[in-house]
């Protein structure tokens, strides 16, 4: 391999996953190629360096709780929960319940977001965690 290629390879080894992803996107744009490959995820994990694999496996710790569905006959019960969760007044909470989908809480912890989801679903509504 030429010295030029060796230098490029060494520089590629030092990239973070985000930088590598941005590089691939830029190569696709500049050269008009498609780098997407359908590969067994186990094979991809086996091919990744240990540090990169650890970054991929890292569990998400913060979630945005989004109210996605409120049945008409369950609005009052869900409204009470929305007021508790958001700390908003009656009018603001009603606006959220009447205009779904709406984010109830941003960057909530996993435990808090799961609790909110259980409360809303027990009252008859639907919630997504992102």
N, C-alpha and C. Protein backbone atom coordinates (compact mmCIF):
# COMPACT_ATOMS: atom_id res chain seq x y z
N UNK A 1 0.85 -1.18 0.00
CA UNK A 1 0.00 0.00 0.00
C UNK A 1 0.90 1.24 0.00
N UNK A 2 0.44 2.29 -0.66
CA UNK A 2 1.23 3.51 -0.75
C UNK A 2 1.22 4.26 0.59
N UNK A 3 2.19 5.12 0.75
CA UNK A 3 2.30 5.93 1.97
C UNK A 3 1.07 6.82 2.15
N UNK A 4 0.55 7.34 1.06
CA UNK A 4 -0.64 8.18 1.10
C UNK A 4 -1.83 7.42 1.68
N UNK A 5 -2.02 6.18 1.23
CA UNK A 5 -3.12 5.36 1.75
C UNK A 5 -2.91 5.00 3.22
N UNK A 6 -1.67 4.73 3.61
CA UNK A 6 -1.38 4.43 5.02
C UNK A 6 -1.75 5.61 5.92
N UNK A 7 -1.45 6.82 5.47
CA UNK A 7 -1.77 8.03 6.25
C UNK A 7 -3.28 8.17 6.38
N UNK A 8 -4.00 7.95 5.27
CA UNK A 8 -5.47 8.06 5.31
C UNK A 8 -6.06 7.03 6.26
N UNK A 9 -5.57 5.79 6.20
CA UNK A 9 -6.06 4.72 7.07
C UNK A 9 -5.83 5.08 8.54
N UNK A 10 -4.67 5.59 8.86
CA UNK A 10 -4.37 5.98 10.24
C UNK A 10 -5.29 7.09 10.72
N UNK A 11 -5.60 8.04 9.84
CA UNK A 11 -6.50 9.12 10.21
C UNK A 11 -7.92 8.60 10.40
N UNK A 12 -8.33 7.64 9.57
CA UNK A 12 -9.67 7.05 9.72
C UNK A 12 -9.81 6.31 11.05
N UNK A 13 -8.75 5.68 11.51
CA UNK A 13 -8.79 4.95 12.78
C UNK A 13 -9.08 5.87 13.96
N UNK A 14 -8.72 7.13 13.84
CA UNK A 14 -8.89 8.06 14.96
C UNK A 14 -10.25 8.75 14.99
N UNK A 15 -11.11 8.49 13.97
CA UNK A 15 -12.42 9.15 13.92
C UNK A 15 -13.38 8.57 14.96
N UNK A 16 -14.25 9.42 15.48
CA UNK A 16 -15.34 8.95 16.33
C UNK A 16 -16.43 8.39 15.43
N UNK A 17 -17.41 7.72 16.01
CA UNK A 17 -18.51 7.18 15.21
C UNK A 17 -19.28 8.29 14.50
N UNK A 18 -19.49 9.39 15.18
CA UNK A 18 -20.21 10.52 14.58
C UNK A 18 -19.43 11.08 13.39
N UNK A 19 -18.13 11.26 13.58
CA UNK A 19 -17.31 11.77 12.49
C UNK A 19 -17.29 10.80 11.31
N UNK A 20 -17.22 9.50 11.60
CA UNK A 20 -17.21 8.49 10.54
C UNK A 20 -18.54 8.52 9.77
N UNK A 21 -19.63 8.68 10.50
CA UNK A 21 -20.94 8.76 9.86
C UNK A 21 -21.04 9.98 8.95
N UNK A 22 -20.54 11.12 9.44
CA UNK A 22 -20.54 12.34 8.64
C UNK A 22 -19.66 12.18 7.40
N UNK A 23 -18.54 11.49 7.56
CA UNK A 23 -17.64 11.25 6.43
C UNK A 23 -18.34 10.41 5.36
N UNK A 24 -19.02 9.36 5.77
CA UNK A 24 -19.73 8.50 4.83
C UNK A 24 -20.80 9.31 4.09
N UNK A 25 -21.55 10.13 4.82
CA UNK A 25 -22.58 10.96 4.19
C UNK A 25 -21.96 11.90 3.16
N UNK A 26 -20.85 12.50 3.49
CA UNK A 26 -20.19 13.43 2.58
C UNK A 26 -19.65 12.70 1.34
N UNK A 27 -19.10 11.49 1.52
CA UNK A 27 -18.62 10.70 0.39
C UNK A 27 -19.77 10.35 -0.54
N UNK A 28 -20.93 10.00 0.06
CA UNK A 28 -22.11 9.69 -0.75
C UNK A 28 -22.52 10.89 -1.60
N UNK A 29 -22.50 12.08 -0.99
CA UNK A 29 -22.90 13.29 -1.72
C UNK A 29 -21.90 13.64 -2.83
N UNK A 30 -20.62 13.68 -2.47
CA UNK A 30 -19.59 14.13 -3.40
C UNK A 30 -19.44 13.19 -4.59
N UNK A 31 -19.45 11.87 -4.32
CA UNK A 31 -19.19 10.91 -5.38
C UNK A 31 -20.45 10.26 -5.94
N UNK A 32 -21.61 10.59 -5.37
CA UNK A 32 -22.88 10.06 -5.87
C UNK A 32 -22.99 8.56 -5.74
N UNK A 33 -22.56 8.02 -4.60
CA UNK A 33 -22.63 6.58 -4.38
C UNK A 33 -23.57 6.29 -3.22
N UNK A 34 -24.01 5.03 -3.14
CA UNK A 34 -24.85 4.58 -2.04
C UNK A 34 -24.07 3.56 -1.23
N UNK A 35 -23.79 3.88 0.03
CA UNK A 35 -22.99 2.98 0.85
C UNK A 35 -23.83 2.09 1.75
N UNK A 36 -25.16 2.17 1.64
CA UNK A 36 -26.00 1.35 2.51
C UNK A 36 -25.87 -0.11 2.10
N UNK A 37 -25.70 -0.96 3.12
CA UNK A 37 -25.54 -2.39 2.90
C UNK A 37 -26.42 -3.11 3.90
N UNK A 38 -27.15 -4.09 3.45
CA UNK A 38 -27.96 -4.89 4.36
C UNK A 38 -27.08 -6.00 4.92
N UNK A 39 -26.74 -5.87 6.21
CA UNK A 39 -25.82 -6.81 6.84
C UNK A 39 -26.43 -7.27 8.15
N UNK A 40 -26.19 -8.49 8.51
CA UNK A 40 -26.60 -9.02 9.80
C UNK A 40 -25.97 -8.15 10.89
N UNK A 41 -26.76 -7.66 11.84
CA UNK A 41 -26.24 -6.75 12.86
C UNK A 41 -25.16 -7.42 13.71
N UNK A 42 -25.21 -8.71 13.87
CA UNK A 42 -24.16 -9.42 14.62
C UNK A 42 -22.83 -9.31 13.91
N UNK A 43 -22.85 -9.38 12.58
CA UNK A 43 -21.62 -9.25 11.81
C UNK A 43 -21.06 -7.84 11.93
N UNK A 44 -21.95 -6.86 11.96
CA UNK A 44 -21.50 -5.48 12.10
C UNK A 44 -20.85 -5.28 13.46
N UNK A 45 -21.47 -5.79 14.51
CA UNK A 45 -20.90 -5.66 15.85
C UNK A 45 -19.55 -6.36 15.94
N UNK A 46 -19.41 -7.51 15.28
CA UNK A 46 -18.15 -8.24 15.32
C UNK A 46 -17.06 -7.46 14.61
N UNK A 47 -17.41 -6.69 13.60
CA UNK A 47 -16.43 -5.95 12.83
C UNK A 47 -16.02 -4.64 13.50
N UNK A 48 -16.81 -4.15 14.46
CA UNK A 48 -16.51 -2.88 15.11
C UNK A 48 -15.43 -3.05 16.17
N UNK A 49 -14.61 -2.03 16.36
CA UNK A 49 -13.68 -2.06 17.49
C UNK A 49 -14.47 -2.08 18.79
N UNK A 50 -13.87 -2.58 19.84
CA UNK A 50 -14.57 -2.73 21.13
C UNK A 50 -15.10 -1.40 21.63
N UNK A 51 -14.33 -0.34 21.53
CA UNK A 51 -14.77 0.97 22.01
C UNK A 51 -15.98 1.45 21.23
N UNK A 52 -15.97 1.29 19.93
CA UNK A 52 -17.09 1.72 19.10
C UNK A 52 -18.33 0.92 19.44
N UNK A 53 -18.19 -0.37 19.66
CA UNK A 53 -19.33 -1.22 20.02
C UNK A 53 -19.91 -0.78 21.36
N UNK A 54 -19.07 -0.40 22.30
CA UNK A 54 -19.54 0.06 23.61
C UNK A 54 -20.35 1.34 23.47
N UNK A 55 -19.96 2.23 22.55
CA UNK A 55 -20.71 3.46 22.34
C UNK A 55 -22.08 3.17 21.75
N UNK A 56 -22.18 2.16 20.88
CA UNK A 56 -23.44 1.81 20.25
C UNK A 56 -24.40 1.21 21.27
N UNK A 57 -23.89 0.40 22.19
CA UNK A 57 -24.72 -0.31 23.15
C UNK A 57 -25.19 0.61 24.28
N UNK A 58 -24.54 1.75 24.46
CA UNK A 58 -24.88 2.68 25.54
C UNK A 58 -26.37 2.98 25.54
N UNK A 59 -27.00 2.77 26.67
CA UNK A 59 -28.45 2.94 26.78
C UNK A 59 -28.82 4.40 26.93
N UNK A 60 -29.90 4.77 26.29
CA UNK A 60 -30.40 6.14 26.37
C UNK A 60 -30.92 6.39 27.77
N UNK A 61 -30.58 7.54 28.34
CA UNK A 61 -30.97 7.82 29.73
C UNK A 61 -32.01 8.93 29.84
N UNK A 62 -32.24 9.69 28.77
CA UNK A 62 -33.22 10.76 28.82
C UNK A 62 -34.20 10.60 27.66
N UNK A 63 -35.47 10.87 27.95
CA UNK A 63 -36.52 10.67 26.97
C UNK A 63 -37.43 11.88 26.91
N UNK A 64 -37.98 12.11 25.72
CA UNK A 64 -39.05 13.09 25.57
C UNK A 64 -40.36 12.32 25.61
N UNK A 65 -41.24 12.71 26.53
CA UNK A 65 -42.53 12.03 26.69
C UNK A 65 -43.56 12.80 25.86
N UNK A 66 -44.14 12.13 24.86
CA UNK A 66 -45.09 12.77 23.95
C UNK A 66 -46.46 12.14 24.08
N UNK A 67 -47.45 12.94 24.38
CA UNK A 67 -48.84 12.49 24.42
C UNK A 67 -49.32 12.38 22.99
N UNK A 68 -49.73 11.17 22.56
CA UNK A 68 -50.07 10.95 21.15
C UNK A 68 -51.55 10.72 20.89
N UNK A 69 -52.30 10.26 21.90
CA UNK A 69 -53.71 9.98 21.67
C UNK A 69 -54.49 10.15 22.96
N UNK A 70 -55.63 10.84 22.86
CA UNK A 70 -56.51 11.04 24.01
C UNK A 70 -57.93 10.75 23.55
N UNK A 71 -58.51 9.62 24.01
CA UNK A 71 -59.90 9.34 23.67
C UNK A 71 -60.81 10.40 24.29
N UNK A 72 -61.87 10.76 23.59
CA UNK A 72 -62.77 11.82 24.05
C UNK A 72 -63.34 11.55 25.43
N UNK A 73 -63.65 10.29 25.72
CA UNK A 73 -64.26 9.97 27.02
C UNK A 73 -63.24 9.89 28.16
N UNK A 74 -61.95 10.06 27.87
CA UNK A 74 -60.91 9.97 28.89
C UNK A 74 -60.18 11.29 29.11
N UNK A 75 -60.65 12.37 28.48
CA UNK A 75 -59.95 13.65 28.51
C UNK A 75 -59.74 14.20 29.92
N UNK A 76 -60.76 14.12 30.75
CA UNK A 76 -60.66 14.72 32.09
C UNK A 76 -59.60 14.00 32.93
N UNK A 77 -59.61 12.68 32.90
CA UNK A 77 -58.62 11.91 33.67
C UNK A 77 -57.21 12.21 33.18
N UNK A 78 -57.03 12.26 31.86
CA UNK A 78 -55.71 12.53 31.30
C UNK A 78 -55.30 13.98 31.56
N UNK A 79 -56.26 14.89 31.53
CA UNK A 79 -56.00 16.29 31.82
C UNK A 79 -55.40 16.46 33.22
N UNK A 80 -55.94 15.74 34.19
CA UNK A 80 -55.43 15.80 35.57
C UNK A 80 -53.97 15.34 35.63
N UNK A 81 -53.66 14.28 34.90
CA UNK A 81 -52.29 13.76 34.89
C UNK A 81 -51.36 14.76 34.20
N UNK A 82 -51.80 15.33 33.10
CA UNK A 82 -50.99 16.32 32.37
C UNK A 82 -50.68 17.51 33.28
N UNK A 83 -51.66 17.96 34.03
CA UNK A 83 -51.43 19.09 34.96
C UNK A 83 -50.39 18.72 36.00
N UNK A 84 -50.49 17.50 36.55
CA UNK A 84 -49.52 17.03 37.54
C UNK A 84 -48.11 16.95 36.96
N UNK A 85 -47.99 16.39 35.78
CA UNK A 85 -46.69 16.16 35.16
C UNK A 85 -46.02 17.47 34.75
N UNK A 86 -46.80 18.36 34.14
CA UNK A 86 -46.22 19.59 33.58
C UNK A 86 -46.19 20.75 34.56
N UNK A 87 -47.07 20.73 35.53
CA UNK A 87 -47.17 21.87 36.45
C UNK A 87 -47.86 23.07 35.82
N UNK A 88 -48.50 22.86 34.68
CA UNK A 88 -49.20 23.95 33.99
C UNK A 88 -50.59 24.15 34.58
N UNK A 89 -51.19 25.26 34.21
CA UNK A 89 -52.54 25.55 34.64
C UNK A 89 -53.56 24.77 33.83
N UNK A 90 -54.83 24.93 34.18
CA UNK A 90 -55.91 24.20 33.54
C UNK A 90 -56.00 24.51 32.04
N UNK A 91 -55.95 25.76 31.67
CA UNK A 91 -56.08 26.15 30.26
C UNK A 91 -54.94 25.57 29.42
N UNK A 92 -53.69 25.72 29.90
CA UNK A 92 -52.53 25.23 29.15
C UNK A 92 -52.57 23.71 29.02
N UNK A 93 -52.96 23.04 30.09
CA UNK A 93 -53.05 21.58 30.07
C UNK A 93 -54.14 21.11 29.11
N UNK A 94 -55.26 21.84 29.11
CA UNK A 94 -56.36 21.50 28.20
C UNK A 94 -55.92 21.67 26.75
N UNK A 95 -55.14 22.71 26.47
CA UNK A 95 -54.61 22.92 25.12
C UNK A 95 -53.75 21.74 24.67
N UNK A 96 -52.96 21.20 25.59
CA UNK A 96 -52.12 20.04 25.26
C UNK A 96 -53.00 18.84 24.95
N UNK A 97 -53.96 18.56 25.81
CA UNK A 97 -54.83 17.39 25.65
C UNK A 97 -55.67 17.50 24.37
N UNK A 98 -56.09 18.70 24.03
CA UNK A 98 -56.93 18.90 22.84
C UNK A 98 -56.14 18.91 21.54
N UNK A 99 -54.83 19.09 21.59
CA UNK A 99 -54.02 19.23 20.38
C UNK A 99 -52.86 18.24 20.33
N UNK A 100 -53.17 16.96 20.46
CA UNK A 100 -52.12 15.95 20.41
C UNK A 100 -51.67 15.73 18.98
N UNK A 101 -50.47 15.30 18.70
CA UNK A 101 -49.42 14.95 19.66
C UNK A 101 -48.71 16.19 20.20
N UNK A 102 -48.40 16.15 21.47
CA UNK A 102 -47.68 17.23 22.15
C UNK A 102 -46.68 16.62 23.13
N UNK A 103 -45.53 17.27 23.26
CA UNK A 103 -44.51 16.83 24.20
C UNK A 103 -44.93 17.27 25.60
N UNK A 104 -45.03 16.30 26.51
CA UNK A 104 -45.38 16.62 27.90
C UNK A 104 -44.15 17.01 28.70
N UNK A 105 -43.07 16.26 28.49
CA UNK A 105 -41.87 16.49 29.28
C UNK A 105 -40.66 16.16 28.41
N UNK A 106 -39.68 17.05 28.38
CA UNK A 106 -38.45 16.84 27.63
C UNK A 106 -37.34 16.41 28.56
N UNK A 107 -36.48 15.54 28.08
CA UNK A 107 -35.29 15.08 28.80
C UNK A 107 -35.63 14.51 30.18
N UNK A 108 -36.69 13.73 30.24
CA UNK A 108 -37.07 13.08 31.49
C UNK A 108 -36.22 11.83 31.69
N UNK A 109 -35.95 11.49 32.93
CA UNK A 109 -35.19 10.27 33.21
C UNK A 109 -36.00 9.05 32.79
N UNK A 110 -35.33 7.94 32.67
CA UNK A 110 -36.00 6.72 32.23
C UNK A 110 -37.13 6.36 33.20
N UNK A 111 -36.85 6.42 34.50
CA UNK A 111 -37.84 6.07 35.51
C UNK A 111 -39.04 7.02 35.46
N UNK A 112 -38.76 8.32 35.37
CA UNK A 112 -39.83 9.32 35.33
C UNK A 112 -40.69 9.16 34.08
N UNK A 113 -40.03 8.94 32.94
CA UNK A 113 -40.79 8.79 31.69
C UNK A 113 -41.64 7.53 31.71
N UNK A 114 -41.13 6.45 32.28
CA UNK A 114 -41.92 5.21 32.39
C UNK A 114 -43.12 5.40 33.32
N UNK A 115 -42.93 6.15 34.40
CA UNK A 115 -44.01 6.42 35.34
C UNK A 115 -45.11 7.23 34.66
N UNK A 116 -44.71 8.27 33.93
CA UNK A 116 -45.69 9.11 33.21
C UNK A 116 -46.44 8.26 32.20
N UNK A 117 -45.71 7.43 31.47
CA UNK A 117 -46.34 6.59 30.46
C UNK A 117 -47.37 5.66 31.09
N UNK A 118 -47.02 5.03 32.22
CA UNK A 118 -47.95 4.11 32.89
C UNK A 118 -49.21 4.85 33.36
N UNK A 119 -49.04 6.05 33.92
CA UNK A 119 -50.19 6.82 34.40
C UNK A 119 -51.13 7.19 33.25
N UNK A 120 -50.56 7.70 32.16
CA UNK A 120 -51.38 8.12 31.01
C UNK A 120 -52.09 6.91 30.41
N UNK A 121 -51.37 5.80 30.25
CA UNK A 121 -51.98 4.62 29.65
C UNK A 121 -53.05 4.01 30.57
N UNK A 122 -52.84 4.10 31.87
CA UNK A 122 -53.85 3.60 32.81
C UNK A 122 -55.13 4.43 32.72
N UNK A 123 -54.97 5.72 32.37
CA UNK A 123 -56.14 6.60 32.23
C UNK A 123 -56.78 6.48 30.85
N UNK A 124 -56.15 5.74 29.93
CA UNK A 124 -56.74 5.51 28.62
C UNK A 124 -56.06 6.22 27.47
N UNK A 125 -55.00 6.99 27.73
CA UNK A 125 -54.30 7.70 26.67
C UNK A 125 -53.14 6.91 26.14
N UNK A 126 -52.48 7.47 25.14
CA UNK A 126 -51.31 6.82 24.55
C UNK A 126 -50.14 7.81 24.58
N UNK A 127 -48.94 7.25 24.86
CA UNK A 127 -47.73 8.06 25.00
C UNK A 127 -46.61 7.37 24.25
N UNK A 128 -45.71 8.16 23.65
CA UNK A 128 -44.48 7.61 23.08
C UNK A 128 -43.30 8.23 23.78
N UNK A 129 -42.24 7.45 23.90
CA UNK A 129 -40.98 7.91 24.49
C UNK A 129 -39.93 7.96 23.40
N UNK A 130 -39.31 9.10 23.25
CA UNK A 130 -38.27 9.25 22.22
C UNK A 130 -36.99 9.70 22.86
